[in-house]
Amino acid sequence: MSGPLLAIVNPAAGGGRCGRLAPTAISKLQAAGIAIEVVNTATAGDATRLARDAHARGQRRFLAVGGDGTAYEILNGVFPQAATGERLSLGFLPLGTGNSFLRDFTDRGAEYAAEAIVHGRRRPCDVLRLKHAGGELYFMNLLSVGFTADVTAAANRRFKAFGELGYVLGVLLCLARLDRRSFPLRVDDDPEYDRRRCLFLTFNNSKYTGGKMMIAPRASTDDGLIDYVRWGPIGRMGLLRNLATLFDGSHLMHPLAAHRAARSIEFALDGPVDVMVDGEVLSVHCQRVDVLPGALDVMV
């Protein structure tokens, strides 16, 4: 489909930073010859509604202006419908807090993202799907349970105004009240469920979370696989000594850590748990994670 990009702007992203910077960033793209229609969100969930309505009208080119949560909401507005029919493309103006997804491709943030849009760069990207007791969720970065979800919950609820520093403060808070528990699951065709206690489990499509934490250093956005990372029940002092390894990916070398590429994950949970999905914290009863290979194009 030709026609303008639909820019869905979250003015509140990045503690209001997005609202201040978005008009200039979008104007620069328009001055470079990119046709853009702009809509703003006013509350949580607006980007999902706006994307769903636009997709129903035939829109297939979207621009997420905000953080990872804005792209997440857009995905959940257009899927599962976008899994069939005319191909969807998604660009980014990363003006929010985390902006983790783009770090797989660049450390230049909005400048690199704008160049990709102007030059028409795009590549296929997998989409991961969580089936839960209340429906389905779609994401392109990662889903996690345990410590990583607890950190994001603390960062979002207590320290969001501090930006990336908020994630570090969240880590320190959750370290003080360290909780290691079991999340029974089965990977692919394994005969039994893994019921061992752990610090965290993550199911990744890309490498980074929380801005600069490299939880899944071996993940690829277009390999058709879920990058599953497990870190066992490490103690508080052990985690403190190894905390920096979460930022360079070397935590996978720890004897309690494990990594595996998978096509599906099946859960056997007793009820809802807190999950962190692309920077958003939800409480859901997880049932299954699987992958939709190359389900959309990203402008990177």
Protein backbone atom coordinates (compact mmCIF):
# COMPACT_ATOMS: atom_id res chain seq x y z
CA MET A 1 0.00 0.00 0.00
CA SER A 2 1.24 3.48 -0.83
CA GLY A 3 0.18 6.56 1.06
CA PRO A 4 1.28 8.32 4.23
CA LEU A 5 2.77 6.81 7.34
CA LEU A 6 0.41 6.93 10.30
CA ALA A 7 2.45 8.34 13.19
CA ILE A 8 0.93 7.34 16.52
CA VAL A 9 2.47 9.66 19.10
CA ASN A 10 2.50 9.06 22.84
CA PRO A 11 3.19 12.58 24.20
CA ALA A 12 3.60 11.23 27.75
CA ALA A 13 6.45 8.85 26.83
CA GLY A 14 9.80 9.58 28.44
CA GLY A 15 8.17 11.66 31.16
CA GLY A 16 6.76 14.07 28.55
CA ARG A 17 9.97 14.22 26.53
CA CYS A 18 8.22 12.68 23.52
CA GLY A 19 5.55 15.37 23.51
CA ARG A 20 8.20 18.08 23.43
CA LEU A 21 10.40 16.51 20.74
CA ALA A 22 7.91 14.75 18.45
CA PRO A 23 6.69 17.78 16.44
CA THR A 24 10.21 18.75 15.38
CA ALA A 25 11.24 15.16 14.63
CA ILE A 26 8.15 14.57 12.49
CA SER A 27 8.57 17.92 10.71
CA LYS A 28 12.10 16.92 9.69
CA LEU A 29 10.78 13.72 8.12
CA GLN A 30 8.07 15.65 6.29
CA ALA A 31 10.67 18.14 5.04
CA ALA A 32 12.59 15.14 3.64
CA GLY A 33 9.54 14.22 1.57
CA ILE A 34 7.89 11.63 3.84
CA ALA A 35 4.10 11.92 3.93
CA ILE A 36 2.92 11.49 7.52
CA GLU A 37 -0.47 11.64 9.18
CA VAL A 38 -0.23 12.30 12.93
CA VAL A 39 -2.50 11.17 15.75
CA ASN A 40 -1.80 11.56 19.48
CA THR A 41 -2.68 9.25 22.33
CA ALA A 42 -4.27 10.57 25.50
CA THR A 43 -4.27 7.51 27.76
CA ALA A 44 -3.02 3.96 28.01
CA GLY A 45 -4.51 1.74 25.30
CA ASP A 46 -5.17 4.59 22.86
CA ALA A 47 -2.40 3.46 20.47
CA THR A 48 -3.99 0.00 20.26
CA ARG A 49 -7.39 1.47 19.45
CA LEU A 50 -6.01 3.95 16.92
CA ALA A 51 -3.95 1.27 15.17
CA ARG A 52 -6.86 -1.17 15.08
CA ASP A 53 -9.21 1.40 13.55
CA ALA A 54 -6.61 2.51 11.01
CA HIS A 55 -5.78 -1.06 10.02
CA ALA A 56 -9.48 -1.74 9.44
CA ARG A 57 -9.51 1.26 7.06
CA GLY A 58 -6.59 -0.21 5.09
CA GLN A 59 -3.61 1.49 6.75
CA ARG A 60 -0.49 -0.72 6.59
CA ARG A 61 2.38 1.71 7.35
CA PHE A 62 2.77 2.81 10.95
CA LEU A 63 5.24 4.94 12.89
CA ALA A 64 5.57 4.41 16.64
CA VAL A 65 6.57 7.72 18.24
CA GLY A 66 7.40 7.08 21.87
CA GLY A 67 8.99 4.12 23.63
CA ASP A 68 8.78 0.36 23.39
CA GLY A 69 5.30 0.49 24.89
CA THR A 70 3.98 2.53 21.97
CA ALA A 71 5.17 -0.07 19.44
CA TYR A 72 3.73 -2.80 21.66
CA GLU A 73 0.31 -1.15 21.69
CA ILE A 74 0.38 -0.72 17.90
CA LEU A 75 1.19 -4.41 17.42
CA ASN A 76 -1.75 -5.39 19.58
CA GLY A 77 -4.02 -3.17 17.54
CA VAL A 78 -3.11 -4.74 14.19
CA PHE A 79 -2.58 -8.40 15.15
CA PRO A 80 -3.84 -11.05 14.61
CA GLN A 81 -5.40 -9.43 11.52
CA ALA A 82 -1.97 -8.40 10.18
CA ALA A 83 -0.78 -12.02 10.15
CA THR A 84 -2.58 -12.45 6.82
CA GLY A 85 -3.18 -10.19 3.86
CA GLU A 86 -1.21 -7.11 2.86
CA ARG A 87 2.13 -6.81 4.64
CA LEU A 88 2.52 -4.45 7.58
CA SER A 89 5.52 -2.13 8.12
CA LEU A 90 6.47 -0.35 11.32
CA GLY A 91 8.93 2.49 11.82
CA PHE A 92 10.13 4.16 15.01
CA LEU A 93 10.91 7.55 16.42
CA PRO A 94 12.35 6.46 19.80
CA LEU A 95 11.55 9.39 22.05
CA GLY A 96 10.43 7.43 25.12
CA THR A 97 12.21 5.87 28.09
CA GLY A 98 13.42 2.38 27.24
CA ASN A 99 13.62 2.17 23.43
CA SER A 100 15.23 -1.26 23.80
CA PHE A 101 14.24 -2.83 20.48
CA LEU A 102 16.30 -0.44 18.34
CA ARG A 103 19.47 -1.20 20.31
CA ASP A 104 19.77 -4.46 18.37
CA PHE A 105 20.54 -2.32 15.32
CA THR A 106 22.06 0.95 16.53
CA ASP A 107 23.10 3.10 19.46
CA ARG A 108 22.16 6.27 17.55
CA GLY A 109 18.48 6.17 18.47
CA ALA A 110 16.17 8.64 16.76
CA GLU A 111 18.79 9.80 14.25
CA TYR A 112 19.28 6.27 12.89
CA ALA A 113 15.54 5.55 12.96
CA ALA A 114 14.78 8.71 10.95
CA GLU A 115 17.44 7.81 8.37
CA ALA A 116 15.89 4.37 7.94
CA ILE A 117 12.50 5.92 7.20
CA VAL A 118 13.89 8.49 4.74
CA HIS A 119 15.93 5.87 2.85
CA GLY A 120 13.14 3.28 2.87
CA ARG A 121 15.15 0.66 4.75
CA ARG A 122 13.18 -2.29 6.06
CA ARG A 123 13.73 -5.88 7.08
CA PRO A 124 11.49 -8.76 8.16
CA CYS A 125 10.91 -9.18 11.88
CA ASP A 126 9.41 -12.02 13.87
CA VAL A 127 6.50 -11.37 16.21
CA LEU A 128 6.02 -13.42 19.38
CA ARG A 129 2.55 -14.33 20.62
CA LEU A 130 1.47 -15.04 24.18
CA LYS A 131 -1.72 -17.02 24.60
CA HIS A 132 -3.22 -16.56 28.05
CA ALA A 133 -6.47 -17.33 29.81
CA GLY A 134 -7.98 -14.01 28.71
CA GLY A 135 -6.86 -13.93 25.08
CA GLU A 136 -3.64 -13.18 23.18
CA LEU A 137 -0.83 -10.62 23.32
CA TYR A 138 1.73 -9.84 20.61
CA PHE A 139 5.24 -8.48 21.16
CA MET A 140 8.53 -7.95 19.34
CA ASN A 141 11.06 -7.50 22.14
CA LEU A 142 10.61 -9.87 25.07
CA LEU A 143 8.36 -11.29 27.74
CA SER A 144 9.74 -12.12 31.18
CA VAL A 145 8.65 -13.41 34.56
CA GLY A 146 10.42 -13.29 37.90
CA PHE A 147 13.13 -10.76 38.76
CA THR A 148 13.09 -8.92 35.42
CA ALA A 149 9.33 -8.42 35.57
CA ASP A 150 9.61 -7.32 39.21
CA VAL A 151 12.29 -4.76 38.25
CA THR A 152 10.17 -3.29 35.47
CA ALA A 153 7.13 -3.11 37.75
CA ALA A 154 9.17 -1.22 40.34
CA ALA A 155 10.71 1.07 37.70
CA ASN A 156 7.32 1.89 36.16
CA ARG A 157 5.44 2.35 39.40
CA ARG A 158 8.08 4.14 41.50
CA PHE A 159 10.92 5.47 39.36
CA LYS A 160 9.52 6.21 35.89
CA ALA A 161 10.42 9.89 36.13
CA PHE A 162 14.12 8.94 36.34
CA GLY A 163 14.20 7.43 32.80
CA GLU A 164 16.86 4.75 32.29
CA LEU A 165 18.16 5.32 35.83
CA GLY A 166 14.75 4.13 37.01
CA TYR A 167 15.57 0.61 35.83
CA VAL A 168 18.77 0.62 37.91
CA LEU A 169 16.82 1.80 40.95
CA GLY A 170 14.27 -0.94 40.27
CA VAL A 171 17.08 -3.52 40.20
CA LEU A 172 18.37 -2.34 43.57
CA LEU A 173 14.91 -2.41 45.15
CA CYS A 174 14.16 -5.93 43.88
CA LEU A 175 17.60 -7.10 44.94
CA ALA A 176 16.78 -6.11 48.50
CA ARG A 177 13.61 -8.24 48.51
CA LEU A 178 14.88 -11.02 46.26
CA ASP A 179 12.21 -13.58 45.34
CA ARG A 180 13.03 -16.85 43.58
CA ARG A 181 10.14 -19.07 42.57
CA SER A 182 8.93 -21.70 40.12
CA PHE A 183 7.17 -21.04 36.80
CA PRO A 184 6.43 -24.56 35.46
CA LEU A 185 6.89 -24.78 31.69
CA ARG A 186 7.76 -27.15 28.87
CA VAL A 187 9.94 -26.20 25.88
CA ASP A 188 9.00 -27.54 22.43
CA ASP A 189 8.55 -31.33 22.68
CA ASP A 190 10.19 -31.86 26.08
CA PRO A 191 8.46 -34.77 27.85
CA GLU A 192 8.27 -33.06 31.25
CA TYR A 193 7.67 -29.62 32.73
CA ASP A 194 10.56 -27.75 34.31
CA ARG A 195 9.42 -26.85 37.84
CA ARG A 196 12.72 -25.66 39.27
CA ARG A 197 12.91 -22.37 41.16
CA CYS A 198 14.59 -19.53 39.30
CA LEU A 199 15.54 -15.89 39.49
CA PHE A 200 13.92 -15.11 36.15
CA LEU A 201 12.82 -16.54 32.81
CA THR A 202 12.74 -14.49 29.61
CA PHE A 203 11.36 -15.28 26.16
CA ASN A 204 13.13 -13.01 23.71
CA ASN A 205 12.96 -11.80 20.14
CA SER A 206 15.65 -9.13 20.60
CA LYS A 207 18.68 -8.67 22.82
CA TYR A 208 17.93 -5.72 25.10
CA THR A 209 15.48 -4.68 27.77
CA GLY A 210 15.28 -1.82 30.25
CA GLY A 211 17.25 0.40 27.92
CA LYS A 212 20.70 -1.21 28.10
CA MET A 213 20.25 -4.57 29.84
CA MET A 214 21.37 -7.28 27.40
CA ILE A 215 19.30 -10.18 28.70
CA ALA A 216 19.44 -12.25 25.49
CA PRO A 217 22.76 -11.58 23.73
CA ARG A 218 22.19 -14.41 21.24
CA ALA A 219 18.68 -13.40 20.18
CA SER A 220 17.87 -12.50 16.59
CA THR A 221 14.79 -10.63 15.42
CA ASP A 222 14.42 -12.67 12.22
CA ASP A 223 15.46 -16.28 12.93
CA GLY A 224 11.96 -17.65 13.52
CA LEU A 225 12.86 -18.69 17.08
CA ILE A 226 12.20 -17.70 20.68
CA ASP A 227 15.43 -17.08 22.57
CA TYR A 228 14.72 -18.59 26.01
CA VAL A 229 16.97 -17.52 28.89
CA ARG A 230 16.76 -18.99 32.38
CA TRP A 231 18.74 -17.94 35.44
CA GLY A 232 18.41 -20.30 38.39
CA PRO A 233 17.97 -19.42 42.09
CA ILE A 234 21.12 -17.35 42.58
CA GLY A 235 21.53 -15.78 46.02
CA ARG A 236 21.51 -12.11 46.85
CA MET A 237 25.29 -11.76 47.16
CA GLY A 238 25.84 -13.83 44.03
CA LEU A 239 23.45 -11.64 42.06
CA LEU A 240 25.05 -8.49 43.45
CA ARG A 241 28.48 -9.68 42.33
CA ASN A 242 27.11 -10.55 38.89
CA LEU A 243 24.71 -7.62 38.45
CA ALA A 244 26.88 -5.87 35.87
CA THR A 245 26.83 -9.00 33.68
CA LEU A 246 23.15 -8.34 32.93
CA PHE A 247 24.26 -5.27 30.97
CA ASP A 248 26.85 -6.99 28.75
CA GLY A 249 25.25 -10.41 28.32
CA SER A 250 27.97 -12.32 30.16
CA HIS A 251 25.44 -13.54 32.76
CA LEU A 252 24.92 -16.50 30.41
CA MET A 253 28.34 -17.75 31.49
CA HIS A 254 27.15 -18.17 35.10
CA PRO A 255 26.70 -21.85 36.08
CA LEU A 256 23.07 -21.22 37.07
CA ALA A 257 22.20 -19.60 33.74
CA ALA A 258 20.93 -21.45 30.66
CA HIS A 259 20.01 -20.47 27.12
CA ARG A 260 17.96 -22.27 24.50
CA ALA A 261 16.40 -21.51 21.12
CA ALA A 262 12.78 -22.69 20.96
CA ARG A 263 9.72 -22.61 18.75
CA SER A 264 7.13 -22.77 21.51
CA ILE A 265 6.81 -22.61 25.30
CA GLU A 266 3.91 -24.22 27.16
CA PHE A 267 3.12 -23.15 30.75
CA ALA A 268 1.47 -25.06 33.61
CA LEU A 269 0.82 -22.17 36.00
CA ASP A 270 -1.83 -22.25 38.72
CA GLY A 271 -3.04 -18.73 37.98
CA PRO A 272 -2.04 -15.22 36.89
CA VAL A 273 1.50 -13.93 37.40
CA ASP A 274 3.14 -10.57 36.76
CA VAL A 275 4.83 -10.47 33.36
CA MET A 276 6.88 -7.78 31.70
CA VAL A 277 6.15 -7.58 27.99
CA ASP A 278 7.96 -4.93 25.91
CA GLY A 279 8.25 -2.64 28.91
CA GLU A 280 4.65 -3.05 30.06
CA VAL A 281 3.73 -4.92 33.26
CA LEU A 282 0.59 -7.05 33.25
CA SER A 283 -0.89 -9.80 35.39
CA VAL A 284 -2.02 -12.70 33.18
CA HIS A 285 -2.46 -16.47 33.34
CA CYS A 286 0.13 -17.53 30.75
CA GLN A 287 -0.57 -20.61 28.65
CA ARG A 288 1.75 -20.61 25.63
CA VAL A 289 4.34 -18.51 23.77
CA ASP A 290 5.02 -19.12 20.09
CA VAL A 291 6.53 -17.25 17.16
CA LEU A 292 5.14 -15.79 13.94
CA PRO A 293 8.22 -15.82 11.68
CA GLY A 294 8.83 -12.64 9.67
CA ALA A 295 5.29 -11.41 10.39
CA LEU A 296 6.02 -7.73 9.69
CA ASP A 297 8.65 -5.40 8.26
CA VAL A 298 10.50 -3.01 10.56
CA MET A 299 12.10 0.20 9.27
CA VAL A 300 15.62 -0.05 10.67
